[in-house]
């Protein structure tokens, strides 16, 4: 994933599907920044601006790319 990708919020594989209809973020969203973790063993998190204007940080496992930048 990279800055500019359009993403949906999804339940991670292997987890029970979550009802995200009541959550603040509303898919789709745009990745606006990648926050690198200082520990190389950890994956980065992604700052996502959702269609409702909210901005959140999400792990890759909760995001699904629907359009690449």
PDB file of N, CA and C in Angstrom:
ATOM      1  N   UNK A   1       0.846  -1.177   0.000  1.00  0.00           N
ATOM      2  CA  UNK A   1       0.000   0.000   0.000  1.00  0.00           C
ATOM      3  C   UNK A   1       0.886   1.233   0.000  1.00  0.00           C
ATOM      4  N   UNK A   2       0.360   2.288  -0.617  1.00  0.00           N
ATOM      5  CA  UNK A   2       1.121   3.526  -0.663  1.00  0.00           C
ATOM      6  C   UNK A   2       0.181   4.722  -0.611  1.00  0.00           C
ATOM      7  N   UNK A   3       0.759   5.882  -0.380  1.00  0.00           N
ATOM      8  CA  UNK A   3      -0.010   7.120  -0.330  1.00  0.00           C
ATOM      9  C   UNK A   3      -0.761   7.308  -1.649  1.00  0.00           C
ATOM     10  N   UNK A   4      -2.037   7.649  -1.536  1.00  0.00           N
ATOM     11  CA  UNK A   4      -2.868   7.864  -2.712  1.00  0.00           C
ATOM     12  C   UNK A   4      -3.757   6.691  -3.061  1.00  0.00           C
ATOM     13  N   UNK A   5      -3.511   5.515  -2.455  1.00  0.00           N
ATOM     14  CA  UNK A   5      -4.379   4.362  -2.700  1.00  0.00           C
ATOM     15  C   UNK A   5      -5.749   4.598  -2.071  1.00  0.00           C
ATOM     16  N   UNK A   6      -6.794   4.127  -2.732  1.00  0.00           N
ATOM     17  CA  UNK A   6      -8.159   4.192  -2.207  1.00  0.00           C
ATOM     18  C   UNK A   6      -8.457   2.833  -1.583  1.00  0.00           C
ATOM     19  N   UNK A   7      -8.963   2.845  -0.339  1.00  0.00           N
ATOM     20  CA  UNK A   7      -9.151   1.612   0.420  1.00  0.00           C
ATOM     21  C   UNK A   7     -10.542   1.519   1.037  1.00  0.00           C
ATOM     22  N   UNK A   8     -10.931   0.283   1.344  1.00  0.00           N
ATOM     23  CA  UNK A   8     -12.121  -0.005   2.141  1.00  0.00           C
ATOM     24  C   UNK A   8     -11.663  -0.536   3.485  1.00  0.00           C
ATOM     25  N   UNK A   9     -12.462  -0.344   4.526  1.00  0.00           N
ATOM     26  CA  UNK A   9     -12.208  -0.924   5.834  1.00  0.00           C
ATOM     27  C   UNK A   9     -12.836  -2.313   5.853  1.00  0.00           C
ATOM     28  N   UNK A  10     -12.063  -3.329   6.247  1.00  0.00           N
ATOM     29  CA  UNK A  10     -12.552  -4.710   6.256  1.00  0.00           C
ATOM     30  C   UNK A  10     -12.140  -5.422   7.539  1.00  0.00           C
ATOM     31  N   UNK A  11     -12.805  -6.527   7.836  1.00  0.00           N
ATOM     32  CA  UNK A  11     -12.395  -7.389   8.934  1.00  0.00           C
ATOM     33  C   UNK A  11     -11.162  -8.173   8.506  1.00  0.00           C
ATOM     34  N   UNK A  12     -10.176  -8.315   9.389  1.00  0.00           N
ATOM     35  CA  UNK A  12      -8.989  -9.085   9.015  1.00  0.00           C
ATOM     36  C   UNK A  12      -9.343 -10.542   8.732  1.00  0.00           C
ATOM     37  N   UNK A  13      -8.568 -11.205   7.857  1.00  0.00           N
ATOM     38  CA  UNK A  13      -8.823 -12.616   7.567  1.00  0.00           C
ATOM     39  C   UNK A  13      -8.763 -13.452   8.849  1.00  0.00           C
ATOM     40  N   UNK A  14      -9.651 -14.409   8.954  1.00  0.00           N
ATOM     41  CA  UNK A  14      -9.669 -15.303  10.105  1.00  0.00           C
ATOM     42  C   UNK A  14     -10.455 -14.774  11.285  1.00  0.00           C
ATOM     43  N   UNK A  15     -10.906 -13.541  11.230  1.00  0.00           N
ATOM     44  CA  UNK A  15     -11.705 -12.982  12.319  1.00  0.00           C
ATOM     45  C   UNK A  15     -13.175 -12.990  11.929  1.00  0.00           C
ATOM     46  N   UNK A  16     -14.002 -13.019  12.930  1.00  0.00           N
ATOM     47  CA  UNK A  16     -15.433 -12.956  12.693  1.00  0.00           C
ATOM     48  C   UNK A  16     -15.751 -11.633  11.994  1.00  0.00           C
ATOM     49  N   UNK A  17     -16.560 -11.636  10.946  1.00  0.00           N
ATOM     50  CA  UNK A  17     -16.897 -10.375  10.260  1.00  0.00           C
ATOM     51  C   UNK A  17     -17.479  -9.360  11.236  1.00  0.00           C
ATOM     52  N   UNK A  18     -17.038  -8.127  11.098  1.00  0.00           N
ATOM     53  CA  UNK A  18     -17.509  -7.058  11.992  1.00  0.00           C
ATOM     54  C   UNK A  18     -18.546  -6.201  11.280  1.00  0.00           C
ATOM     55  N   UNK A  19     -19.513  -5.749  12.043  1.00  0.00           N
ATOM     56  CA  UNK A  19     -20.488  -4.795  11.514  1.00  0.00           C
ATOM     57  C   UNK A  19     -19.885  -3.411  11.682  1.00  0.00           C
ATOM     58  N   UNK A  20     -19.433  -2.819  10.579  1.00  0.00           N
ATOM     59  CA  UNK A  20     -18.782  -1.501  10.648  1.00  0.00           C
ATOM     60  C   UNK A  20     -19.740  -0.371  10.289  1.00  0.00           C
ATOM     61  N   UNK A  21     -21.025  -0.667  10.133  1.00  0.00           N
ATOM     62  CA  UNK A  21     -21.984   0.349   9.693  1.00  0.00           C
ATOM     63  C   UNK A  21     -22.116   1.508  10.675  1.00  0.00           C
ATOM     64  N   UNK A  22     -21.890   1.260  11.959  1.00  0.00           N
ATOM     65  CA  UNK A  22     -22.040   2.313  12.946  1.00  0.00           C
ATOM     66  C   UNK A  22     -20.742   3.013  13.303  1.00  0.00           C
ATOM     67  N   UNK A  23     -19.663   2.649  12.673  1.00  0.00           N
ATOM     68  CA  UNK A  23     -18.368   3.248  13.002  1.00  0.00           C
ATOM     69  C   UNK A  23     -18.231   4.617  12.378  1.00  0.00           C
ATOM     70  N   UNK A  24     -17.326   5.409  12.947  1.00  0.00           N
ATOM     71  CA  UNK A  24     -17.109   6.766  12.457  1.00  0.00           C
ATOM     72  C   UNK A  24     -16.601   6.779  11.021  1.00  0.00           C
ATOM     73  N   UNK A  25     -15.603   5.938  10.733  1.00  0.00           N
ATOM     74  CA  UNK A  25     -15.046   5.974   9.381  1.00  0.00           C
ATOM     75  C   UNK A  25     -16.030   5.340   8.406  1.00  0.00           C
ATOM     76  N   UNK A  26     -16.094   5.880   7.244  1.00  0.00           N
ATOM     77  CA  UNK A  26     -16.980   5.379   6.213  1.00  0.00           C
ATOM     78  C   UNK A  26     -16.160   5.125   4.956  1.00  0.00           C
ATOM     79  N   UNK A  27     -16.192   3.889   4.492  1.00  0.00           N
ATOM     80  CA  UNK A  27     -15.451   3.531   3.279  1.00  0.00           C
ATOM     81  C   UNK A  27     -16.115   4.183   2.084  1.00  0.00           C
ATOM     82  N   UNK A  28     -15.372   4.496   1.037  1.00  0.00           N
ATOM     83  CA  UNK A  28     -13.934   4.289   0.917  1.00  0.00           C
ATOM     84  C   UNK A  28     -13.153   5.429   1.557  1.00  0.00           C
ATOM     85  N   UNK A  29     -11.847   5.199   1.661  1.00  0.00           N
ATOM     86  CA  UNK A  29     -10.948   6.201   2.212  1.00  0.00           C
ATOM     87  C   UNK A  29      -9.691   6.311   1.359  1.00  0.00           C
ATOM     88  N   UNK A  30      -8.926   7.346   1.600  1.00  0.00           N
ATOM     89  CA  UNK A  30      -7.701   7.615   0.858  1.00  0.00           C
ATOM     90  C   UNK A  30      -6.526   7.579   1.823  1.00  0.00           C
ATOM     91  N   UNK A  31      -5.491   6.798   1.491  1.00  0.00           N
ATOM     92  CA  UNK A  31      -4.288   6.778   2.324  1.00  0.00           C
ATOM     93  C   UNK A  31      -3.552   8.090   2.097  1.00  0.00           C
ATOM     94  N   UNK A  32      -3.393   8.873   3.173  1.00  0.00           N
ATOM     95  CA  UNK A  32      -2.751  10.171   3.053  1.00  0.00           C
ATOM     96  C   UNK A  32      -1.334  10.181   3.626  1.00  0.00           C
ATOM     97  N   UNK A  33      -1.005   9.182   4.451  1.00  0.00           N
ATOM     98  CA  UNK A  33       0.326   9.141   5.055  1.00  0.00           C
ATOM     99  C   UNK A  33       0.612   7.736   5.549  1.00  0.00           C
ATOM    100  N   UNK A  34       1.874   7.347   5.495  1.00  0.00           N
ATOM    101  CA  UNK A  34       2.302   6.064   6.038  1.00  0.00           C
ATOM    102  C   UNK A  34       3.157   6.370   7.258  1.00  0.00           C
ATOM    103  N   UNK A  35       2.778   5.789   8.394  1.00  0.00           N
ATOM    104  CA  UNK A  35       3.509   6.013   9.639  1.00  0.00           C
ATOM    105  C   UNK A  35       4.395   4.798   9.892  1.00  0.00           C
ATOM    106  N   UNK A  36       5.686   4.965   9.635  1.00  0.00           N
ATOM    107  CA  UNK A  36       6.636   3.878   9.831  1.00  0.00           C
ATOM    108  C   UNK A  36       6.866   3.660  11.316  1.00  0.00           C
ATOM    109  N   UNK A  37       7.005   2.391  11.685  1.00  0.00           N
ATOM    110  CA  UNK A  37       7.313   2.040  13.057  1.00  0.00           C
ATOM    111  C   UNK A  37       8.823   1.987  13.212  1.00  0.00           C
ATOM    112  N   UNK A  38       9.376   2.590  14.269  1.00  0.00           N
ATOM    113  CA  UNK A  38      10.827   2.571  14.437  1.00  0.00           C
ATOM    114  C   UNK A  38      11.400   1.158  14.567  1.00  0.00           C
ATOM    115  N   UNK A  39      10.601   0.225  15.035  1.00  0.00           N
ATOM    116  CA  UNK A  39      11.039  -1.172  15.113  1.00  0.00           C
ATOM    117  C   UNK A  39      10.775  -1.823  13.770  1.00  0.00           C
ATOM    118  N   UNK A  40      11.791  -2.296  13.146  1.00  0.00           N
ATOM    119  CA  UNK A  40      11.646  -2.870  11.808  1.00  0.00           C
ATOM    120  C   UNK A  40      10.801  -4.147  11.799  1.00  0.00           C
ATOM    121  N   UNK A  41      10.624  -4.757  12.963  1.00  0.00           N
ATOM    122  CA  UNK A  41       9.842  -5.995  13.017  1.00  0.00           C
ATOM    123  C   UNK A  41       8.343  -5.736  12.891  1.00  0.00           C
ATOM    124  N   UNK A  42       7.933  -4.495  13.055  1.00  0.00           N
ATOM    125  CA  UNK A  42       6.509  -4.168  12.983  1.00  0.00           C
ATOM    126  C   UNK A  42       6.162  -3.532  11.649  1.00  0.00           C
ATOM    127  N   UNK A  43       4.932  -3.751  11.232  1.00  0.00           N
ATOM    128  CA  UNK A  43       4.453  -3.152   9.990  1.00  0.00           C
ATOM    129  C   UNK A  43       4.040  -1.699  10.226  1.00  0.00           C
ATOM    130  N   UNK A  44       4.025  -0.898   9.183  1.00  0.00           N
ATOM    131  CA  UNK A  44       3.587   0.499   9.343  1.00  0.00           C
ATOM    132  C   UNK A  44       2.073   0.577   9.536  1.00  0.00           C
ATOM    133  N   UNK A  45       1.620   1.711  10.028  1.00  0.00           N
ATOM    134  CA  UNK A  45       0.182   1.972  10.040  1.00  0.00           C
ATOM    135  C   UNK A  45      -0.071   3.042   8.986  1.00  0.00           C
ATOM    136  N   UNK A  46      -1.322   3.152   8.594  1.00  0.00           N
ATOM    137  CA  UNK A  46      -1.682   4.045   7.492  1.00  0.00           C
ATOM    138  C   UNK A  46      -2.679   5.077   7.985  1.00  0.00           C
ATOM    139  N   UNK A  47      -2.399   6.335   7.697  1.00  0.00           N
ATOM    140  CA  UNK A  47      -3.344   7.398   8.004  1.00  0.00           C
ATOM    141  C   UNK A  47      -4.332   7.459   6.850  1.00  0.00           C
ATOM    142  N   UNK A  48      -5.603   7.268   7.173  1.00  0.00           N
ATOM    143  CA  UNK A  48      -6.643   7.202   6.143  1.00  0.00           C
ATOM    144  C   UNK A  48      -7.651   8.322   6.370  1.00  0.00           C
ATOM    145  N   UNK A  49      -7.957   9.059   5.308  1.00  0.00           N
ATOM    146  CA  UNK A  49      -9.020  10.076   5.330  1.00  0.00           C
ATOM    147  C   UNK A  49     -10.244   9.421   4.715  1.00  0.00           C
ATOM    148  N   UNK A  50     -11.292   9.253   5.538  1.00  0.00           N
ATOM    149  CA  UNK A  50     -12.513   8.576   5.087  1.00  0.00           C
ATOM    150  C   UNK A  50     -13.445   9.553   4.397  1.00  0.00           C
ATOM    151  N   UNK A  51     -14.431   9.015   3.681  1.00  0.00           N
ATOM    152  CA  UNK A  51     -15.334   9.880   2.903  1.00  0.00           C
ATOM    153  C   UNK A  51     -16.152  10.826   3.760  1.00  0.00           C
ATOM    154  N   UNK A  52     -16.268  10.529   5.069  1.00  0.00           N
ATOM    155  CA  UNK A  52     -17.006  11.435   5.952  1.00  0.00           C
ATOM    156  C   UNK A  52     -16.111  12.526   6.545  1.00  0.00           C
ATOM    157  N   UNK A  53     -14.821  12.559   6.121  1.00  0.00           N
ATOM    158  CA  UNK A  53     -13.908  13.592   6.587  1.00  0.00           C
ATOM    159  C   UNK A  53     -13.071  13.200   7.795  1.00  0.00           C
ATOM    160  N   UNK A  54     -13.430  12.109   8.464  1.00  0.00           N
ATOM    161  CA  UNK A  54     -12.653  11.636   9.617  1.00  0.00           C
ATOM    162  C   UNK A  54     -11.316  11.073   9.149  1.00  0.00           C
ATOM    163  N   UNK A  55     -10.289  11.188  10.000  1.00  0.00           N
ATOM    164  CA  UNK A  55      -8.984  10.618   9.726  1.00  0.00           C
ATOM    165  C   UNK A  55      -8.636   9.652  10.851  1.00  0.00           C
ATOM    166  N   UNK A  56      -8.209   8.441  10.485  1.00  0.00           N
ATOM    167  CA  UNK A  56      -7.809   7.440  11.472  1.00  0.00           C
ATOM    168  C   UNK A  56      -6.513   6.777  11.020  1.00  0.00           C
ATOM    169  N   UNK A  57      -5.835   6.123  11.961  1.00  0.00           N
ATOM    170  CA  UNK A  57      -4.676   5.294  11.642  1.00  0.00           C
ATOM    171  C   UNK A  57      -5.124   3.847  11.690  1.00  0.00           C
ATOM    172  N   UNK A  58      -4.815   3.083  10.650  1.00  0.00           N
ATOM    173  CA  UNK A  58      -5.248   1.690  10.545  1.00  0.00           C
ATOM    174  C   UNK A  58      -4.070   0.791  10.185  1.00  0.00           C
ATOM    175  N   UNK A  59      -4.125  -0.457  10.666  1.00  0.00           N
ATOM    176  CA  UNK A  59      -3.157  -1.472  10.273  1.00  0.00           C
ATOM    177  C   UNK A  59      -3.562  -2.027   8.918  1.00  0.00           C
ATOM    178  N   UNK A  60      -2.586  -2.536   8.187  1.00  0.00           N
ATOM    179  CA  UNK A  60      -2.820  -3.054   6.836  1.00  0.00           C
ATOM    180  C   UNK A  60      -3.884  -4.148   6.800  1.00  0.00           C
ATOM    181  N   UNK A  61      -3.944  -4.971   7.854  1.00  0.00           N
ATOM    182  CA  UNK A  61      -4.902  -6.076   7.871  1.00  0.00           C
ATOM    183  C   UNK A  61      -6.359  -5.602   7.882  1.00  0.00           C
ATOM    184  N   UNK A  62      -6.609  -4.341   8.204  1.00  0.00           N
ATOM    185  CA  UNK A  62      -7.967  -3.805   8.216  1.00  0.00           C
ATOM    186  C   UNK A  62      -8.311  -3.040   6.956  1.00  0.00           C
ATOM    187  N   UNK A  63      -7.380  -3.022   5.992  1.00  0.00           N
ATOM    188  CA  UNK A  63      -7.600  -2.254   4.765  1.00  0.00           C
ATOM    189  C   UNK A  63      -7.539  -3.143   3.535  1.00  0.00           C
ATOM    190  N   UNK A  64      -8.388  -2.830   2.575  1.00  0.00           N
ATOM    191  CA  UNK A  64      -8.415  -3.534   1.291  1.00  0.00           C
ATOM    192  C   UNK A  64      -8.314  -2.479   0.184  1.00  0.00           C
ATOM    193  N   UNK A  65      -7.318  -2.624  -0.668  1.00  0.00           N
ATOM    194  CA  UNK A  65      -7.122  -1.664  -1.767  1.00  0.00           C
ATOM    195  C   UNK A  65      -8.233  -1.865  -2.807  1.00  0.00           C
ATOM    196  N   UNK A  66      -8.899  -0.762  -3.171  1.00  0.00           N
ATOM    197  CA  UNK A  66      -9.883  -0.843  -4.253  1.00  0.00           C
ATOM    198  C   UNK A  66      -9.422  -0.088  -5.484  1.00  0.00           C
ATOM    199  N   UNK A  67      -8.415   0.796  -5.317  1.00  0.00           N
ATOM    200  CA  UNK A  67      -7.846   1.514  -6.459  1.00  0.00           C
ATOM    201  C   UNK A  67      -6.443   1.973  -6.081  1.00  0.00           C
ATOM    202  N   UNK A  68      -5.468   1.624  -6.926  1.00  0.00           N
ATOM    203  CA  UNK A  68      -4.076   2.022  -6.667  1.00  0.00           C
ATOM    204  C   UNK A  68      -3.799   3.398  -7.244  1.00  0.00           C
ATOM    205  N   UNK A  69      -2.916   4.133  -6.526  1.00  0.00           N
ATOM    206  CA  UNK A  69      -2.527   5.475  -6.969  1.00  0.00           C
ATOM    207  C   UNK A  69      -1.670   5.409  -8.212  1.00  0.00           C
TER     208      UNK A  69
END
